[in-house]
Amino acid sequence: MNQLTLCMLHLESAIKKMITILELNADIDASIFYDVEPVTTELEESIILNGYSRINVERIQGELAFKKIIDSYSDFYIFNDAISRRFIKKFPGYLVIKKNYDQVDDAIKKVNESKCLFKQEVLRSGDDALERWQQVHDRFNYLVTLAVYRKIYFFPFPVHAAYFNWVTRPRIENISFTEALNKCDLAKNTLPIAHTHQSWHSLLDSEKSMISQYSQFEFTIRRQIKLRPESKVRLINDTRGLGYSAGLPFIFINHPKRTSALGSYDITQPR
C-alpha cells in the first residue's frame, strides 16, 4: 500500500475515534457553530482582483451545531465543481467538553499527529509542487490538502473569553525557481473570466520568460486576499489572550464567560 494512502487511513481512523469520544463527553447544548457561506468558483477571479465584498454567516447552537462541528473535522473533499477549492470553507465555532478531559486531549493529539504525518508524506512525495499535487490527487480525487493540514485546537484550561472576528492576512508563499515555472504551467489548466485562451497563455508565457532570468533566486508570492475568521482566546488567569485561526471549531472545557459572535463580513461596514 502506498505510504500516502496509509497515512490517510491512520488519520481517518484517529478522527473516528476522536468523534466517538467527543460524542460521549460533550455538552451538546453548549455547542456554537458559525456557518460560513462558501466561495463559489464563479467568484474566485473577482476575489483575487478586488478582494471580498460580503460573506454571509449564520449562527447555530445546540444539536445541529454539534453535528456540523463533528462533520467539519473530516471535511477534506470538495465534490461540487461550483464550490471553490482555492478558497476553502472555514468552520469557526466551538464545543464544550464536560468530562474525561485527558481522554479527549489524547484523542485530539493523535489526530493532530496524524495530520502532521500526512503532511510530511505529501512533502516527501515529489520534488516540486506540481509533482506533489499529482501524487496526492492521483490517489485522492477532490481532496483539499490544506483542509487536511488544519490543526484542531483543544484548550485544557478554563477559558474566560473567546472573541470571533474577521481578519485580513497577507497570503505569502516562498517557492523555488522550478516551482514558479510549474505554477505557470499548471495555471494553463484554468481560464480566468477576464481572459481568452490565447491572452491567458500569452501572459503565462511572458511570466515564465521573466522568471527564467532569475534561476538562482527564490520567489515570494504575496497576495492581500487571505480573509479568515479568527478568535482571540483568553484563559481565566490570562491578562491578554492569544489569537488563533478559527478554520476548525475549538474544543473547550467550559462555556466562555465572555464571547462575541462571528458576524457576516461586509466591506461597506466599518470593522
Protein backbone atom coordinates (compact mmCIF):
# COMPACT_ATOMS: atom_id res chain seq x y z
CA MET A 1 0.00 0.00 0.00
CA ASN A 2 1.26 3.48 -0.86
CA GLN A 3 2.54 5.46 2.14
CA LEU A 4 0.24 8.40 1.42
CA THR A 5 -2.77 6.10 1.45
CA LEU A 6 -1.59 4.50 4.67
CA CYS A 7 -1.19 7.90 6.35
CA MET A 8 -4.71 8.89 5.28
CA LEU A 9 -6.15 5.64 6.66
CA HIS A 10 -4.43 6.31 10.01
CA LEU A 11 -5.81 9.85 10.04
CA GLU A 12 -9.36 8.74 9.23
CA SER A 13 -9.17 6.10 11.97
CA ALA A 14 -7.91 8.66 14.51
CA ILE A 15 -10.72 11.06 13.59
CA LYS A 16 -13.39 8.37 14.02
CA LYS A 17 -12.05 7.53 17.48
CA MET A 18 -11.92 11.21 18.42
CA ILE A 19 -15.50 11.78 17.26
CA THR A 20 -16.75 8.83 19.34
CA ILE A 21 -15.03 10.28 22.41
CA LEU A 22 -16.42 13.76 21.74
CA GLU A 23 -19.94 12.41 21.34
CA LEU A 24 -19.70 10.69 24.73
CA ASN A 25 -18.21 13.63 26.63
CA ALA A 26 -19.52 16.85 25.05
CA ASP A 27 -22.18 19.22 26.35
CA ILE A 28 -24.10 19.18 23.08
CA ASP A 29 -26.46 22.02 24.02
CA ALA A 30 -23.48 24.35 24.56
CA SER A 31 -22.17 23.87 21.01
CA ILE A 32 -21.83 27.02 18.88
CA PHE A 33 -21.20 26.94 15.12
CA TYR A 34 -20.87 29.81 12.65
CA ASP A 35 -21.98 28.53 9.26
CA VAL A 36 -19.87 30.49 6.75
CA GLU A 37 -21.11 30.83 3.20
CA PRO A 38 -18.65 29.03 0.84
CA VAL A 39 -16.91 30.83 -2.02
CA THR A 40 -18.09 29.76 -5.46
CA THR A 41 -15.78 29.17 -8.41
CA GLU A 42 -17.66 31.94 -10.20
CA LEU A 43 -16.37 34.48 -7.66
CA GLU A 44 -12.75 33.33 -7.48
CA GLU A 45 -11.27 35.75 -10.00
CA SER A 46 -13.25 38.68 -8.65
CA ILE A 47 -11.94 38.00 -5.14
CA ILE A 48 -8.36 37.72 -6.40
CA LEU A 49 -8.64 41.04 -8.23
CA ASN A 50 -10.81 43.03 -5.82
CA GLY A 51 -10.94 41.16 -2.51
CA TYR A 52 -14.05 40.02 -0.66
CA SER A 53 -17.19 42.16 -0.64
CA ARG A 54 -19.54 40.10 1.56
CA ILE A 55 -19.57 36.74 3.32
CA ASN A 56 -22.80 35.59 4.96
CA VAL A 57 -22.63 33.84 8.33
CA GLU A 58 -25.40 32.05 10.24
CA ARG A 59 -25.04 31.37 13.97
CA ILE A 60 -26.23 27.89 15.01
CA GLN A 61 -26.46 26.47 18.52
CA GLY A 62 -27.18 23.12 20.14
CA GLU A 63 -27.64 19.74 18.48
CA LEU A 64 -27.43 20.97 14.87
CA ALA A 65 -24.29 22.97 15.71
CA PHE A 66 -22.73 19.89 17.28
CA LYS A 67 -23.43 17.81 14.17
CA LYS A 68 -21.88 20.44 11.91
CA ILE A 69 -18.85 20.68 14.20
CA ILE A 70 -18.33 16.90 14.16
CA ASP A 71 -18.71 16.78 10.37
CA SER A 72 -16.19 19.60 9.89
CA TYR A 73 -13.30 17.59 11.37
CA SER A 74 -13.34 15.20 8.40
CA ASP A 75 -14.47 17.63 5.70
CA PHE A 76 -11.46 17.20 3.38
CA TYR A 77 -13.11 16.90 -0.03
CA ILE A 78 -14.97 19.25 -2.38
CA PHE A 79 -17.00 17.24 -4.88
CA ASN A 80 -19.12 20.14 -6.16
CA ASP A 81 -17.35 21.93 -9.03
CA ALA A 82 -19.36 25.07 -8.28
CA ILE A 83 -17.58 25.44 -4.91
CA SER A 84 -14.07 26.89 -4.83
CA ARG A 85 -11.12 24.66 -3.96
CA ARG A 86 -8.82 27.68 -3.82
CA PHE A 87 -10.79 29.47 -1.10
CA ILE A 88 -11.68 26.56 1.12
CA LYS A 89 -14.55 26.83 3.57
CA LYS A 90 -13.85 27.76 7.19
CA PHE A 91 -15.61 26.19 10.19
CA PRO A 92 -15.48 28.60 13.15
CA GLY A 93 -17.21 27.70 16.39
CA TYR A 94 -16.65 25.62 19.50
CA LEU A 95 -17.92 22.70 21.52
CA VAL A 96 -17.65 22.17 25.26
CA ILE A 97 -16.35 19.02 26.96
CA LYS A 98 -17.85 18.24 30.37
CA LYS A 99 -15.80 15.19 31.48
CA ASN A 100 -12.86 12.88 30.71
CA TYR A 101 -10.61 15.75 29.64
CA ASP A 102 -7.44 13.65 29.49
CA GLN A 103 -9.10 11.10 27.21
CA VAL A 104 -10.30 13.87 24.91
CA ASP A 105 -6.87 15.53 24.93
CA ASP A 106 -5.17 12.26 23.97
CA ALA A 107 -7.60 11.62 21.10
CA ILE A 108 -7.12 15.13 19.68
CA LYS A 109 -3.33 14.87 19.91
CA LYS A 110 -3.42 11.63 17.92
CA VAL A 111 -5.48 13.32 15.18
CA ASN A 112 -3.10 16.29 15.01
CA GLU A 113 -0.09 13.96 14.92
CA SER A 114 -1.70 12.01 12.05
CA LYS A 115 -2.28 15.28 10.19
CA CYS A 116 1.40 16.18 10.56
CA LEU A 117 2.50 12.75 9.33
CA PHE A 118 0.27 13.05 6.27
CA LYS A 119 1.67 16.50 5.51
CA GLN A 120 5.24 15.22 5.86
CA GLU A 121 4.48 12.37 3.49
CA VAL A 122 2.97 14.78 0.95
CA LEU A 123 6.14 16.90 1.08
CA ARG A 124 8.25 13.77 0.53
CA SER A 125 6.13 12.57 -2.39
CA GLY A 126 7.66 14.90 -5.01
CA ASP A 127 10.47 17.33 -5.71
CA ASP A 128 8.19 20.26 -6.52
CA ALA A 129 4.63 21.46 -6.00
CA LEU A 130 3.33 20.09 -9.29
CA GLU A 131 4.67 16.58 -8.69
CA ARG A 132 3.33 16.55 -5.13
CA TRP A 133 -0.06 17.71 -6.38
CA GLN A 134 -0.13 14.87 -8.92
CA GLN A 135 0.91 12.28 -6.34
CA VAL A 136 -1.87 13.34 -3.96
CA HIS A 137 -4.67 13.75 -6.47
CA ASP A 138 -3.89 10.53 -8.32
CA ARG A 139 -4.89 8.79 -5.08
CA PHE A 140 -7.46 11.13 -3.52
CA ASN A 141 -9.83 12.68 -6.04
CA TYR A 142 -11.23 16.07 -4.95
CA LEU A 143 -9.05 16.18 -1.82
CA VAL A 144 -8.10 19.63 -0.50
CA THR A 145 -4.75 19.12 1.23
CA LEU A 146 -4.91 22.41 3.16
CA ALA A 147 -8.13 21.20 4.75
CA VAL A 148 -6.33 18.07 5.94
CA TYR A 149 -3.47 20.06 7.46
CA ARG A 150 -5.65 22.20 9.75
CA LYS A 151 -4.89 21.78 13.42
CA ILE A 152 -7.63 21.08 15.95
CA TYR A 153 -7.23 23.36 18.98
CA PHE A 154 -8.09 21.94 22.40
CA PHE A 155 -7.89 24.18 25.46
CA PRO A 156 -7.47 22.00 28.59
CA PHE A 157 -7.81 25.01 30.95
CA PRO A 158 -10.89 27.14 31.70
CA VAL A 159 -11.50 29.80 29.05
CA HIS A 160 -12.62 33.25 30.15
CA ALA A 161 -13.31 34.78 26.72
CA ALA A 162 -13.49 33.87 23.04
CA TYR A 163 -13.96 36.78 20.64
CA PHE A 164 -14.57 35.88 16.99
CA ASN A 165 -13.86 38.28 14.14
CA TRP A 166 -12.75 38.53 10.51
CA VAL A 167 -9.04 39.22 9.99
CA THR A 168 -7.16 40.03 6.79
CA ARG A 169 -3.80 38.34 6.45
CA PRO A 170 -1.35 38.55 3.56
CA ARG A 171 -1.10 35.29 1.67
CA ILE A 172 2.67 34.71 1.49
CA GLU A 173 4.34 31.72 -0.14
CA ASN A 174 8.05 31.15 -0.82
CA ILE A 175 8.73 28.95 -3.83
CA SER A 176 11.75 27.77 -5.78
CA PHE A 177 12.61 28.64 -9.38
CA THR A 178 11.29 25.27 -10.59
CA GLU A 179 8.07 25.61 -8.58
CA ALA A 180 7.49 29.08 -10.04
CA LEU A 181 7.74 27.71 -13.58
CA ASN A 182 5.48 24.79 -12.70
CA LYS A 183 2.85 27.14 -11.29
CA CYS A 184 2.73 28.90 -14.66
CA ASP A 185 2.28 25.57 -16.45
CA LEU A 186 -0.39 24.44 -14.00
CA ALA A 187 -2.25 27.75 -14.38
CA LYS A 188 -2.79 26.96 -18.07
CA ASN A 189 -5.38 24.42 -16.99
CA THR A 190 -7.67 27.27 -15.86
CA LEU A 191 -9.08 30.25 -17.73
CA PRO A 192 -9.86 33.47 -15.80
CA ILE A 193 -13.02 35.29 -16.79
CA ALA A 194 -11.08 38.40 -17.89
CA HIS A 195 -9.01 36.45 -20.49
CA THR A 196 -9.35 34.49 -23.68
CA HIS A 197 -7.45 31.24 -24.02
CA GLN A 198 -4.84 32.98 -26.18
CA SER A 199 -4.37 36.05 -23.96
CA TRP A 200 -4.07 33.94 -20.80
CA HIS A 201 -1.44 31.62 -22.28
CA SER A 202 0.43 34.61 -23.68
CA LEU A 203 0.52 36.21 -20.23
CA LEU A 204 1.76 33.00 -18.59
CA ASP A 205 4.46 32.53 -21.25
CA SER A 206 5.59 36.09 -20.57
CA GLU A 207 5.73 35.32 -16.84
CA LYS A 208 7.81 32.21 -17.50
CA SER A 209 10.20 34.23 -19.66
CA MET A 210 10.66 36.75 -16.87
CA ILE A 211 11.16 34.05 -14.22
CA SER A 212 13.75 32.27 -16.38
CA GLN A 213 16.07 35.25 -15.99
CA TYR A 214 16.37 34.61 -12.24
CA SER A 215 17.09 30.90 -11.99
CA GLN A 216 19.28 31.30 -8.88
CA PHE A 217 16.60 33.02 -6.81
CA GLU A 218 13.75 32.01 -4.56
CA PHE A 219 10.43 33.69 -5.28
CA THR A 220 7.86 35.12 -2.89
CA ILE A 221 4.16 35.26 -3.77
CA ARG A 222 2.24 37.80 -1.73
CA ARG A 223 -1.49 38.50 -2.07
CA GLN A 224 -3.78 40.51 0.20
CA ILE A 225 -6.73 38.14 -0.18
CA LYS A 226 -6.49 35.89 2.85
CA LEU A 227 -9.55 36.93 4.83
CA ARG A 228 -10.21 34.42 7.55
CA PRO A 229 -12.14 34.05 10.79
CA GLU A 230 -10.02 34.20 13.91
CA SER A 231 -10.69 34.17 17.62
CA LYS A 232 -8.88 35.81 20.49
CA VAL A 233 -9.00 33.26 23.28
CA ARG A 234 -8.23 34.31 26.85
CA LEU A 235 -7.88 31.80 29.67
CA ILE A 236 -9.21 32.51 33.17
CA ASN A 237 -5.83 33.60 34.59
CA ASP A 238 -4.57 35.40 31.45
CA THR A 239 -4.48 39.16 31.14
CA ARG A 240 -4.20 39.35 27.35
CA GLY A 241 -5.15 36.28 25.35
CA LEU A 242 -3.86 34.94 22.04
CA GLY A 243 -5.25 34.91 18.51
CA TYR A 244 -5.99 31.59 16.81
CA SER A 245 -7.16 30.72 13.32
CA ALA A 246 -10.78 29.58 13.50
CA GLY A 247 -10.62 27.33 10.44
CA LEU A 248 -11.92 24.46 12.59
CA PRO A 249 -14.09 24.56 15.72
CA PHE A 250 -12.26 24.89 19.03
CA ILE A 251 -12.76 22.45 21.89
CA PHE A 252 -13.15 24.00 25.36
CA ILE A 253 -13.71 22.50 28.81
CA ASN A 254 -16.19 25.24 29.73
CA HIS A 255 -18.51 27.72 28.07
CA PRO A 256 -16.57 31.03 27.91
CA LYS A 257 -17.90 33.73 30.23
CA ARG A 258 -17.47 36.33 27.51
CA THR A 259 -17.95 35.77 23.78
CA SER A 260 -18.51 37.74 20.62
CA ALA A 261 -20.22 36.14 17.65
CA LEU A 262 -18.72 35.96 14.17
CA GLY A 263 -20.96 38.18 12.09
CA SER A 264 -21.35 38.37 8.34
CA TYR A 265 -18.47 40.16 6.63
CA ASP A 266 -19.42 43.30 4.67
CA ILE A 267 -16.74 45.51 3.15
CA THR A 268 -19.05 48.54 3.40
CA GLN A 269 -19.29 48.24 7.19
CA PRO A 270 -16.56 49.59 9.50
CA ARG A 271 -14.69 46.90 11.40
